Amino acid sequence: MSGAKHDDPRALLASYLTQLAEAGEKDICLSSETVALVRGAASSQSGESGAAQTHERPRASQAPDVSQGTSVPLNRAVERPRETEAPQRLSVGEKAALLPELEPIEVKLALGPATADPDMFVEASHLGSCTCLDEIERISLACEKCELAGTRINVVFGAGDENADLMFVGEAPGANEDREGIPFIGRAGALLDKIIEAAGFRRENVYISNILKCRPPNNRTPLSSEIAACVPLLAKQIEIIAPRIICTLGLPATQTLLGVKGSMGSLRGKVYAQGNLKVIPTYHPAAALRDPKYKRPMWEDFLRIRKEYDKL
């Protein structure tokens, strides 16, 4: 059809809304400018209809009546509300404070004393008598107690603040770490850095290490014999650094420190404690790179770390 009435954009819009209503649309979101246009069309149609239609009950084929407001029953056009002010953004500390309190689960860390196995290191190493990280690192550089000594490029001992209250323990070095001798510098390390900073920490103020100090071939899962060879080194690191919170990254690190079995999903979301030391497990950042579904729970675990850290 043609004619001035149907060339009027307000009338065309009202006709279009009517078609949507007849097609079964229940909610139609419009901008405030569009609602004003529809109101004008409704007012114009009302004037042309005459007083006889004033009391007539609207039929389904009629345009939705928006002249009395922005919401009408059944099929209705709804004006999108305007934001009067920006929503208040909470700081990381405030978000962390909103987390429910968790009763720590008392555990006995499965690390044991650094001198538990007298055959683990040659007698001259004196691992148990080490008083600083440099002494332990020198021992680790000469370690040949498992097959990884023959395939490594570098021993990846650890890095960060030797007096850190927060320590991260991963699984084992990857290719980049093996090449450079520094933990968590690949893609997983870049993600870990971002999450550490987002949680209000700085990498130079925490300490980062791994269960294994040497890279397993093709990044395979560490063998129990390899873990047994490296655990005394890690135990001595923890003893000297004396962190208040340890975040385990991934299942091998979590199971090794806690001495328990179970899936990562069943072990995370909790706080474990041995004396004043708390252990908070989370997914390894490499897992979050492979599947983004792990990023949200990982962030929740970091908020938990923030909450516990702020109590110190």
C-alpha atoms as a PDB file:
ATOM      1  CA  MET A   1       0.000   0.000   0.000  1.00  0.00           C
ATOM      2  CA  SER A   2       1.036   3.589  -0.482  1.00  0.00           C
ATOM      3  CA  GLY A   3      -0.004   6.903   0.906  1.00  0.00           C
ATOM      4  CA  ALA A   4       1.182   9.483   3.427  1.00  0.00           C
ATOM      5  CA  LYS A   5      -0.072   7.461   6.353  1.00  0.00           C
ATOM      6  CA  HIS A   6       2.150   4.468   5.555  1.00  0.00           C
ATOM      7  CA  ASP A   7       5.079   6.606   4.448  1.00  0.00           C
ATOM      8  CA  ASP A   8       5.187   8.065   7.942  1.00  0.00           C
ATOM      9  CA  PRO A   9       8.102   6.297   9.709  1.00  0.00           C
ATOM     10  CA  ARG A  10       6.169   6.318  12.972  1.00  0.00           C
ATOM     11  CA  ALA A  11       3.284   4.486  11.375  1.00  0.00           C
ATOM     12  CA  LEU A  12       5.655   2.022   9.718  1.00  0.00           C
ATOM     13  CA  LEU A  13       7.346   1.339  13.056  1.00  0.00           C
ATOM     14  CA  ALA A  14       4.019   0.822  14.780  1.00  0.00           C
ATOM     15  CA  SER A  15       2.972  -1.565  12.008  1.00  0.00           C
ATOM     16  CA  TYR A  16       6.232  -3.473  12.399  1.00  0.00           C
ATOM     17  CA  LEU A  17       5.719  -3.816  16.157  1.00  0.00           C
ATOM     18  CA  THR A  18       2.218  -5.093  15.507  1.00  0.00           C
ATOM     19  CA  GLN A  19       3.627  -7.810  13.226  1.00  0.00           C
ATOM     20  CA  LEU A  20       6.113  -8.814  15.921  1.00  0.00           C
ATOM     21  CA  ALA A  21       3.312  -9.032  18.467  1.00  0.00           C
ATOM     22  CA  GLU A  22       1.218 -11.208  16.139  1.00  0.00           C
ATOM     23  CA  ALA A  23       4.254 -13.443  15.564  1.00  0.00           C
ATOM     24  CA  GLY A  24       4.382 -14.189  19.282  1.00  0.00           C
ATOM     25  CA  GLU A  25       7.196 -11.905  20.455  1.00  0.00           C
ATOM     26  CA  LYS A  26       6.764 -11.380  24.189  1.00  0.00           C
ATOM     27  CA  ASP A  27       9.377  -8.724  24.969  1.00  0.00           C
ATOM     28  CA  ILE A  28      10.677  -6.046  22.642  1.00  0.00           C
ATOM     29  CA  CYS A  29      13.479  -3.776  23.872  1.00  0.00           C
ATOM     30  CA  LEU A  30      13.544  -0.262  22.414  1.00  0.00           C
ATOM     31  CA  SER A  31      15.705   2.777  22.963  1.00  0.00           C
ATOM     32  CA  SER A  32      14.105   5.819  24.563  1.00  0.00           C
ATOM     33  CA  GLU A  33      14.175   7.641  21.203  1.00  0.00           C
ATOM     34  CA  THR A  34      12.296   4.791  19.520  1.00  0.00           C
ATOM     35  CA  VAL A  35       9.714   4.704  22.301  1.00  0.00           C
ATOM     36  CA  ALA A  36       9.122   8.423  21.810  1.00  0.00           C
ATOM     37  CA  LEU A  37       8.585   7.755  18.097  1.00  0.00           C
ATOM     38  CA  VAL A  38       6.111   4.955  18.835  1.00  0.00           C
ATOM     39  CA  ARG A  39       4.248   7.170  21.257  1.00  0.00           C
ATOM     40  CA  GLY A  40       3.926   9.765  18.549  1.00  0.00           C
ATOM     41  CA  ALA A  41       2.558   7.154  16.169  1.00  0.00           C
ATOM     42  CA  ALA A  42       0.094   5.880  18.761  1.00  0.00           C
ATOM     43  CA  SER A  43      -1.073   9.410  19.466  1.00  0.00           C
ATOM     44  CA  SER A  44      -1.492  10.107  15.749  1.00  0.00           C
ATOM     45  CA  GLN A  45      -3.492   6.920  15.217  1.00  0.00           C
ATOM     46  CA  SER A  46      -5.665   7.777  18.192  1.00  0.00           C
ATOM     47  CA  GLY A  47      -6.490  11.181  16.712  1.00  0.00           C
ATOM     48  CA  GLU A  48      -7.456   9.671  13.358  1.00  0.00           C
ATOM     49  CA  SER A  49      -9.631   6.962  14.889  1.00  0.00           C
ATOM     50  CA  GLY A  50     -12.035   9.421  16.473  1.00  0.00           C
ATOM     51  CA  ALA A  51     -13.825   9.386  19.785  1.00  0.00           C
ATOM     52  CA  ALA A  52     -15.759   6.233  18.861  1.00  0.00           C
ATOM     53  CA  GLN A  53     -12.612   4.091  19.428  1.00  0.00           C
ATOM     54  CA  THR A  54     -11.764   5.670  22.765  1.00  0.00           C
ATOM     55  CA  HIS A  55     -13.548   2.936  24.718  1.00  0.00           C
ATOM     56  CA  GLU A  56     -12.962   0.118  22.250  1.00  0.00           C
ATOM     57  CA  ARG A  57     -10.980  -2.821  23.568  1.00  0.00           C
ATOM     58  CA  PRO A  58      -7.705  -3.180  21.588  1.00  0.00           C
ATOM     59  CA  ARG A  59      -7.585  -6.127  19.218  1.00  0.00           C
ATOM     60  CA  ALA A  60      -4.538  -8.322  18.792  1.00  0.00           C
ATOM     61  CA  SER A  61      -3.910  -6.766  15.384  1.00  0.00           C
ATOM     62  CA  GLN A  62      -3.550  -3.293  16.885  1.00  0.00           C
ATOM     63  CA  ALA A  63      -0.155  -1.810  17.743  1.00  0.00           C
ATOM     64  CA  PRO A  64       0.863  -2.152  21.382  1.00  0.00           C
ATOM     65  CA  ASP A  65      -0.309   0.804  23.469  1.00  0.00           C
ATOM     66  CA  VAL A  66       2.777   2.521  24.864  1.00  0.00           C
ATOM     67  CA  SER A  67       1.176   5.908  25.369  1.00  0.00           C
ATOM     68  CA  GLN A  68       0.749   5.360  29.113  1.00  0.00           C
ATOM     69  CA  GLY A  69       4.240   4.084  29.868  1.00  0.00           C
ATOM     70  CA  THR A  70       7.065   1.905  28.704  1.00  0.00           C
ATOM     71  CA  SER A  71       5.546  -1.438  29.661  1.00  0.00           C
ATOM     72  CA  VAL A  72       2.362  -3.096  28.487  1.00  0.00           C
ATOM     73  CA  PRO A  73       0.983  -6.545  29.330  1.00  0.00           C
ATOM     74  CA  LEU A  74       1.529  -9.682  27.218  1.00  0.00           C
ATOM     75  CA  ASN A  75       3.263  -8.603  23.989  1.00  0.00           C
ATOM     76  CA  ARG A  76       4.922  -5.390  25.040  1.00  0.00           C
ATOM     77  CA  ALA A  77       7.536  -2.898  23.961  1.00  0.00           C
ATOM     78  CA  VAL A  78       9.929  -2.070  26.784  1.00  0.00           C
ATOM     79  CA  GLU A  79      12.072   1.002  26.942  1.00  0.00           C
ATOM     80  CA  ARG A  80      15.677   0.204  27.822  1.00  0.00           C
ATOM     81  CA  PRO A  81      16.388   1.895  31.166  1.00  0.00           C
ATOM     82  CA  ARG A  82      19.114   4.492  31.216  1.00  0.00           C
ATOM     83  CA  GLU A  83      21.968   4.146  33.647  1.00  0.00           C
ATOM     84  CA  THR A  84      21.909   7.170  35.880  1.00  0.00           C
ATOM     85  CA  GLU A  85      25.323   6.419  37.367  1.00  0.00           C
ATOM     86  CA  ALA A  86      28.120   3.908  36.863  1.00  0.00           C
ATOM     87  CA  PRO A  87      27.909   0.848  39.130  1.00  0.00           C
ATOM     88  CA  GLN A  88      30.323   0.867  42.027  1.00  0.00           C
ATOM     89  CA  ARG A  89      33.348  -1.341  41.412  1.00  0.00           C
ATOM     90  CA  LEU A  90      34.772  -3.307  44.304  1.00  0.00           C
ATOM     91  CA  SER A  91      38.496  -3.646  44.836  1.00  0.00           C
ATOM     92  CA  VAL A  92      40.098  -7.081  44.811  1.00  0.00           C
ATOM     93  CA  GLY A  93      40.421  -6.950  48.572  1.00  0.00           C
ATOM     94  CA  GLU A  94      36.740  -6.087  48.967  1.00  0.00           C
ATOM     95  CA  LYS A  95      35.732  -8.933  46.641  1.00  0.00           C
ATOM     96  CA  ALA A  96      37.941 -11.318  48.591  1.00  0.00           C
ATOM     97  CA  ALA A  97      36.460 -10.147  51.888  1.00  0.00           C
ATOM     98  CA  LEU A  98      32.999 -11.133  50.666  1.00  0.00           C
ATOM     99  CA  LEU A  99      34.012 -14.793  50.390  1.00  0.00           C
ATOM    100  CA  PRO A 100      32.579 -17.001  53.128  1.00  0.00           C
ATOM    101  CA  GLU A 101      34.947 -18.051  55.872  1.00  0.00           C
ATOM    102  CA  LEU A 102      36.338 -21.565  55.511  1.00  0.00           C
ATOM    103  CA  GLU A 103      37.434 -23.685  58.419  1.00  0.00           C
ATOM    104  CA  PRO A 104      40.972 -24.872  57.569  1.00  0.00           C
ATOM    105  CA  ILE A 105      41.378 -28.607  57.141  1.00  0.00           C
ATOM    106  CA  GLU A 106      44.245 -29.758  59.344  1.00  0.00           C
ATOM    107  CA  VAL A 107      46.798 -31.834  57.457  1.00  0.00           C
ATOM    108  CA  LYS A 108      50.340 -33.042  57.893  1.00  0.00           C
ATOM    109  CA  LEU A 109      52.280 -32.038  54.816  1.00  0.00           C
ATOM    110  CA  ALA A 110      53.788 -35.063  53.099  1.00  0.00           C
ATOM    111  CA  LEU A 111      57.168 -33.418  52.571  1.00  0.00           C
ATOM    112  CA  GLY A 112      58.805 -34.758  55.699  1.00  0.00           C
ATOM    113  CA  PRO A 113      62.206 -33.579  56.907  1.00  0.00           C
ATOM    114  CA  ALA A 114      64.768 -32.740  54.255  1.00  0.00           C
ATOM    115  CA  THR A 115      67.085 -35.483  55.569  1.00  0.00           C
ATOM    116  CA  ALA A 116      64.458 -38.239  55.595  1.00  0.00           C
ATOM    117  CA  ASP A 117      66.386 -40.348  53.071  1.00  0.00           C
ATOM    118  CA  PRO A 118      70.111 -40.450  53.833  1.00  0.00           C
ATOM    119  CA  ASP A 119      70.789 -41.987  50.425  1.00  0.00           C
ATOM    120  CA  MET A 120      68.997 -39.259  48.500  1.00  0.00           C
ATOM    121  CA  PHE A 121      72.090 -37.041  48.373  1.00  0.00           C
ATOM    122  CA  VAL A 122      75.757 -37.786  48.880  1.00  0.00           C
ATOM    123  CA  GLU A 123      76.856 -37.250  52.454  1.00  0.00           C
ATOM    124  CA  ALA A 124      79.030 -34.300  51.504  1.00  0.00           C
ATOM    125  CA  SER A 125      76.007 -32.312  50.371  1.00  0.00           C
ATOM    126  CA  HIS A 126      74.789 -31.740  53.954  1.00  0.00           C
ATOM    127  CA  LEU A 127      71.318 -30.774  52.724  1.00  0.00           C
ATOM    128  CA  GLY A 128      69.865 -30.904  56.208  1.00  0.00           C
ATOM    129  CA  SER A 129      72.393 -28.348  57.494  1.00  0.00           C
ATOM    130  CA  CYS A 130      71.761 -25.791  54.733  1.00  0.00           C
ATOM    131  CA  THR A 131      70.773 -22.391  56.081  1.00  0.00           C
ATOM    132  CA  CYS A 132      70.149 -20.442  52.878  1.00  0.00           C
ATOM    133  CA  LEU A 133      68.695 -21.031  49.430  1.00  0.00           C
ATOM    134  CA  ASP A 134      72.040 -20.572  47.707  1.00  0.00           C
ATOM    135  CA  GLU A 135      73.405 -23.653  49.479  1.00  0.00           C
ATOM    136  CA  ILE A 136      70.383 -25.720  48.451  1.00  0.00           C
ATOM    137  CA  GLU A 137      70.629 -24.493  44.877  1.00  0.00           C
ATOM    138  CA  ARG A 138      74.262 -25.562  44.636  1.00  0.00           C
ATOM    139  CA  ILE A 139      73.222 -29.054  45.727  1.00  0.00           C
ATOM    140  CA  SER A 140      70.387 -29.150  43.192  1.00  0.00           C
ATOM    141  CA  LEU A 141      72.702 -28.098  40.357  1.00  0.00           C
ATOM    142  CA  ALA A 142      74.863 -31.165  41.023  1.00  0.00           C
ATOM    143  CA  CYS A 143      71.977 -33.576  41.595  1.00  0.00           C
ATOM    144  CA  GLU A 144      71.985 -36.785  39.550  1.00  0.00           C
ATOM    145  CA  LYS A 145      69.571 -38.845  41.629  1.00  0.00           C
ATOM    146  CA  CYS A 146      67.122 -39.563  38.779  1.00  0.00           C
ATOM    147  CA  GLU A 147      67.172 -40.017  35.022  1.00  0.00           C
ATOM    148  CA  LEU A 148      66.169 -36.395  34.388  1.00  0.00           C
ATOM    149  CA  ALA A 149      69.746 -35.346  35.098  1.00  0.00           C
ATOM    150  CA  GLY A 150      70.678 -36.829  31.737  1.00  0.00           C
ATOM    151  CA  THR A 151      68.028 -34.999  29.702  1.00  0.00           C
ATOM    152  CA  ARG A 152      67.828 -31.561  31.312  1.00  0.00           C
ATOM    153  CA  ILE A 153      69.393 -28.398  29.945  1.00  0.00           C
ATOM    154  CA  ASN A 154      69.174 -26.486  33.214  1.00  0.00           C
ATOM    155  CA  VAL A 155      68.105 -27.129  36.774  1.00  0.00           C
ATOM    156  CA  VAL A 156      65.157 -24.833  37.486  1.00  0.00           C
ATOM    157  CA  PHE A 157      65.534 -24.240  41.190  1.00  0.00           C
ATOM    158  CA  GLY A 158      63.107 -21.396  41.922  1.00  0.00           C
ATOM    159  CA  ALA A 159      62.856 -17.610  41.875  1.00  0.00           C
ATOM    160  CA  GLY A 160      61.466 -14.734  43.901  1.00  0.00           C
ATOM    161  CA  ASP A 161      61.563 -13.228  47.365  1.00  0.00           C
ATOM    162  CA  GLU A 162      63.414 -15.492  49.787  1.00  0.00           C
ATOM    163  CA  ASN A 163      61.318 -14.056  52.637  1.00  0.00           C
ATOM    164  CA  ALA A 164      57.977 -14.271  50.844  1.00  0.00           C
ATOM    165  CA  ASP A 165      54.795 -14.943  52.800  1.00  0.00           C
ATOM    166  CA  LEU A 166      53.234 -16.393  49.632  1.00  0.00           C
ATOM    167  CA  MET A 167      54.815 -19.265  47.713  1.00  0.00           C
ATOM    168  CA  PHE A 168      53.651 -21.016  44.549  1.00  0.00           C
ATOM    169  CA  VAL A 169      54.554 -24.641  43.852  1.00  0.00           C
ATOM    170  CA  GLY A 170      53.974 -26.049  40.375  1.00  0.00           C
ATOM    171  CA  GLU A 171      54.586 -29.403  38.793  1.00  0.00           C
ATOM    172  CA  ALA A 172      57.796 -29.268  36.758  1.00  0.00           C
ATOM    173  CA  PRO A 173      59.663 -26.993  34.341  1.00  0.00           C
ATOM    174  CA  GLY A 174      58.590 -26.804  30.705  1.00  0.00           C
ATOM    175  CA  ALA A 175      60.702 -26.244  27.609  1.00  0.00           C
ATOM    176  CA  ASN A 176      61.133 -22.494  28.117  1.00  0.00           C
ATOM    177  CA  GLU A 177      61.970 -22.937  31.775  1.00  0.00           C
ATOM    178  CA  ASP A 178      64.467 -25.724  31.011  1.00  0.00           C
ATOM    179  CA  ARG A 179      66.159 -23.490  28.457  1.00  0.00           C
ATOM    180  CA  GLU A 180      66.387 -20.407  30.689  1.00  0.00           C
ATOM    181  CA  GLY A 181      66.601 -21.978  34.151  1.00  0.00           C
ATOM    182  CA  ILE A 182      63.734 -19.794  35.475  1.00  0.00           C
ATOM    183  CA  PRO A 183      60.325 -21.142  36.580  1.00  0.00           C
ATOM    184  CA  PHE A 184      57.077 -20.147  34.853  1.00  0.00           C
ATOM    185  CA  ILE A 185      58.306 -17.994  31.976  1.00  0.00           C
ATOM    186  CA  GLY A 186      56.348 -19.649  29.135  1.00  0.00           C
ATOM    187  CA  ARG A 187      52.685 -19.132  28.204  1.00  0.00           C
ATOM    188  CA  ALA A 188      51.513 -20.661  31.474  1.00  0.00           C
ATOM    189  CA  GLY A 189      53.892 -18.371  33.328  1.00  0.00           C
ATOM    190  CA  ALA A 190      52.542 -15.312  31.520  1.00  0.00           C
ATOM    191  CA  LEU A 191      49.008 -16.246  32.589  1.00  0.00           C
ATOM    192  CA  LEU A 192      50.168 -16.858  36.146  1.00  0.00           C
ATOM    193  CA  ASP A 193      51.809 -13.418  36.203  1.00  0.00           C
ATOM    194  CA  LYS A 194      48.544 -11.785  35.085  1.00  0.00           C
ATOM    195  CA  ILE A 195      46.509 -13.547  37.756  1.00  0.00           C
ATOM    196  CA  ILE A 196      49.089 -12.770  40.450  1.00  0.00           C
ATOM    197  CA  GLU A 197      48.957  -9.073  39.553  1.00  0.00           C
ATOM    198  CA  ALA A 198      45.152  -9.076  39.242  1.00  0.00           C
ATOM    199  CA  ALA A 199      44.971 -10.443  42.792  1.00  0.00           C
ATOM    200  CA  GLY A 200      47.051  -7.532  44.036  1.00  0.00           C
ATOM    201  CA  PHE A 201      50.437  -9.242  44.316  1.00  0.00           C
ATOM    202  CA  ARG A 202      53.724  -8.720  42.492  1.00  0.00           C
ATOM    203  CA  ARG A 203      55.825 -11.577  41.159  1.00  0.00           C
ATOM    204  CA  GLU A 204      59.003 -10.214  42.741  1.00  0.00           C
ATOM    205  CA  ASN A 205      57.321 -10.321  46.163  1.00  0.00           C
ATOM    206  CA  VAL A 206      56.340 -14.008  46.017  1.00  0.00           C
ATOM    207  CA  TYR A 207      58.415 -17.157  45.567  1.00  0.00           C
ATOM    208  CA  ILE A 208      57.806 -19.638  42.733  1.00  0.00           C
ATOM    209  CA  SER A 209      59.148 -23.174  42.459  1.00  0.00           C
ATOM    210  CA  ASN A 210      58.153 -26.658  41.303  1.00  0.00           C
ATOM    211  CA  ILE A 211      57.991 -30.164  42.693  1.00  0.00           C
ATOM    212  CA  LEU A 212      60.617 -31.207  40.123  1.00  0.00           C
ATOM    213  CA  LYS A 213      63.664 -29.081  39.383  1.00  0.00           C
ATOM    214  CA  CYS A 214      64.274 -30.719  35.983  1.00  0.00           C
ATOM    215  CA  ARG A 215      61.987 -31.008  32.972  1.00  0.00           C
ATOM    216  CA  PRO A 216      60.481 -34.444  32.232  1.00  0.00           C
ATOM    217  CA  PRO A 217      60.812 -35.371  28.538  1.00  0.00           C
ATOM    218  CA  ASN A 218      57.905 -34.020  26.474  1.00  0.00           C
ATOM    219  CA  ASN A 219      56.442 -32.508  29.649  1.00  0.00           C
ATOM    220  CA  ARG A 220      55.096 -35.866  30.768  1.00  0.00           C
ATOM    221  CA  THR A 221      53.672 -36.327  34.270  1.00  0.00           C
ATOM    222  CA  PRO A 222      56.431 -36.709  36.901  1.00  0.00           C
ATOM    223  CA  LEU A 223      57.234 -40.238  38.017  1.00  0.00           C
ATOM    224  CA  SER A 224      56.996 -41.121  41.699  1.00  0.00           C
ATOM    225  CA  SER A 225      60.744 -41.837  41.753  1.00  0.00           C
ATOM    226  CA  GLU A 226      61.463 -38.365  40.337  1.00  0.00           C
ATOM    227  CA  ILE A 227      59.189 -36.734  42.899  1.00  0.00           C
ATOM    228  CA  ALA A 228      60.893 -38.645  45.694  1.00  0.00           C
ATOM    229  CA  ALA A 229      64.272 -37.389  44.488  1.00  0.00           C
ATOM    230  CA  CYS A 230      63.208 -33.733  44.465  1.00  0.00           C
ATOM    231  CA  VAL A 231      60.916 -33.540  47.497  1.00  0.00           C
ATOM    232  CA  PRO A 232      63.804 -33.095  49.990  1.00  0.00           C
ATOM    233  CA  LEU A 233      64.944 -30.039  48.020  1.00  0.00           C
ATOM    234  CA  LEU A 234      61.459 -28.572  48.070  1.00  0.00           C
ATOM    235  CA  ALA A 235      61.054 -29.340  51.777  1.00  0.00           C
ATOM    236  CA  LYS A 236      64.252 -27.461  52.554  1.00  0.00           C
ATOM    237  CA  GLN A 237      63.170 -24.537  50.356  1.00  0.00           C
ATOM    238  CA  ILE A 238      59.912 -24.259  52.278  1.00  0.00           C
ATOM    239  CA  GLU A 239      61.732 -24.565  55.597  1.00  0.00           C
ATOM    240  CA  ILE A 240      64.070 -21.651  54.813  1.00  0.00           C
ATOM    241  CA  ILE A 241      61.551 -19.387  53.066  1.00  0.00           C
ATOM    242  CA  ALA A 242      58.954 -20.100  55.774  1.00  0.00           C
ATOM    243  CA  PRO A 243      55.925 -18.906  53.755  1.00  0.00           C
ATOM    244  CA  ARG A 244      52.586 -18.416  55.477  1.00  0.00           C
ATOM    245  CA  ILE A 245      50.579 -19.491  52.415  1.00  0.00           C
ATOM    246  CA  ILE A 246      51.463 -22.014  49.698  1.00  0.00           C
ATOM    247  CA  CYS A 247      49.396 -22.166  46.534  1.00  0.00           C
ATOM    248  CA  THR A 248      49.785 -25.502  44.778  1.00  0.00           C
ATOM    249  CA  LEU A 249      49.336 -25.304  41.020  1.00  0.00           C
ATOM    250  CA  GLY A 250      47.907 -28.485  39.551  1.00  0.00           C
ATOM    251  CA  LEU A 251      47.226 -31.998  40.738  1.00  0.00           C
ATOM    252  CA  PRO A 252      50.777 -33.416  41.097  1.00  0.00           C
ATOM    253  CA  ALA A 253      51.848 -30.500  43.298  1.00  0.00           C
ATOM    254  CA  THR A 254      48.644 -30.649  45.348  1.00  0.00           C
ATOM    255  CA  GLN A 255      48.761 -34.395  45.915  1.00  0.00           C
ATOM    256  CA  THR A 256      52.473 -34.296  46.733  1.00  0.00           C
ATOM    257  CA  LEU A 257      52.232 -31.588  49.378  1.00  0.00           C
ATOM    258  CA  LEU A 258      48.983 -32.756  50.945  1.00  0.00           C
ATOM    259  CA  GLY A 259      49.740 -36.470  50.670  1.00  0.00           C
ATOM    260  CA  VAL A 260      46.195 -37.193  49.505  1.00  0.00           C
ATOM    261  CA  LYS A 261      44.512 -38.612  46.433  1.00  0.00           C
ATOM    262  CA  GLY A 262      41.598 -37.121  44.569  1.00  0.00           C
ATOM    263  CA  SER A 263      40.723 -34.982  41.578  1.00  0.00           C
ATOM    264  CA  MET A 264      41.672 -31.340  41.332  1.00  0.00           C
ATOM    265  CA  GLY A 265      37.997 -30.440  41.437  1.00  0.00           C
ATOM    266  CA  SER A 266      37.547 -32.235  44.770  1.00  0.00           C
ATOM    267  CA  LEU A 267      40.709 -30.816  46.358  1.00  0.00           C
ATOM    268  CA  ARG A 268      40.428 -27.137  45.383  1.00  0.00           C
ATOM    269  CA  GLY A 269      38.030 -24.680  46.975  1.00  0.00           C
ATOM    270  CA  LYS A 270      39.370 -25.559  50.438  1.00  0.00           C
ATOM    271  CA  VAL A 271      42.023 -24.285  52.815  1.00  0.00           C
ATOM    272  CA  TYR A 272      44.433 -26.801  54.332  1.00  0.00           C
ATOM    273  CA  ALA A 273      46.617 -25.983  57.305  1.00  0.00           C
ATOM    274  CA  GLN A 274      49.618 -27.315  59.140  1.00  0.00           C
ATOM    275  CA  GLY A 275      50.213 -25.040  62.081  1.00  0.00           C
ATOM    276  CA  ASN A 276      50.474 -21.471  60.798  1.00  0.00           C
ATOM    277  CA  LEU A 277      51.060 -22.609  57.227  1.00  0.00           C
ATOM    278  CA  LYS A 278      48.041 -22.693  54.923  1.00  0.00           C
ATOM    279  CA  VAL A 279      47.873 -24.527  51.591  1.00  0.00           C
ATOM    280  CA  ILE A 280      45.375 -23.417  48.935  1.00  0.00           C
ATOM    281  CA  PRO A 281      45.243 -25.621  45.816  1.00  0.00           C
ATOM    282  CA  THR A 282      44.171 -24.434  42.377  1.00  0.00           C
ATOM    283  CA  TYR A 283      44.431 -25.488  38.764  1.00  0.00           C
ATOM    284  CA  HIS A 284      47.707 -25.205  36.898  1.00  0.00           C
ATOM    285  CA  PRO A 285      47.651 -22.203  34.527  1.00  0.00           C
ATOM    286  CA  ALA A 286      48.473 -24.570  31.658  1.00  0.00           C
ATOM    287  CA  ALA A 287      45.109 -26.261  32.273  1.00  0.00           C
ATOM    288  CA  ALA A 288      43.368 -22.880  32.023  1.00  0.00           C
ATOM    289  CA  LEU A 289      45.134 -22.260  28.703  1.00  0.00           C
ATOM    290  CA  ARG A 290      43.914 -25.598  27.362  1.00  0.00           C
ATOM    291  CA  ASP A 291      40.352 -25.117  28.627  1.00  0.00           C
ATOM    292  CA  PRO A 292      39.039 -21.642  29.616  1.00  0.00           C
ATOM    293  CA  LYS A 293      36.433 -23.206  31.930  1.00  0.00           C
ATOM    294  CA  TYR A 294      39.157 -23.456  34.583  1.00  0.00           C
ATOM    295  CA  LYS A 295      39.828 -19.709  34.619  1.00  0.00           C
ATOM    296  CA  ARG A 296      36.836 -18.782  36.785  1.00  0.00           C
ATOM    297  CA  PRO A 297      37.499 -21.331  39.577  1.00  0.00           C
ATOM    298  CA  MET A 298      41.183 -20.438  39.393  1.00  0.00           C
ATOM    299  CA  TRP A 299      40.327 -16.780  39.928  1.00  0.00           C
ATOM    300  CA  GLU A 300      38.053 -17.712  42.827  1.00  0.00           C
ATOM    301  CA  ASP A 301      40.970 -19.571  44.402  1.00  0.00           C
ATOM    302  CA  PHE A 302      43.171 -16.495  44.002  1.00  0.00           C
ATOM    303  CA  LEU A 303      40.529 -14.380  45.717  1.00  0.00           C
ATOM    304  CA  ARG A 304      40.680 -16.916  48.547  1.00  0.00           C
ATOM    305  CA  ILE A 305      44.464 -16.510  48.643  1.00  0.00           C
ATOM    306  CA  ARG A 306      43.975 -12.741  48.815  1.00  0.00           C
ATOM    307  CA  LYS A 307      41.496 -13.117  51.682  1.00  0.00           C
ATOM    308  CA  GLU A 308      43.805 -15.370  53.697  1.00  0.00           C
ATOM    309  CA  TYR A 309      46.820 -13.186  52.920  1.00  0.00           C
ATOM    310  CA  ASP A 310      45.043 -10.063  54.158  1.00  0.00           C
ATOM    311  CA  LYS A 311      44.525 -11.776  57.511  1.00  0.00           C
ATOM    312  CA  LEU A 312      48.275 -12.099  58.066  1.00  0.00           C
END
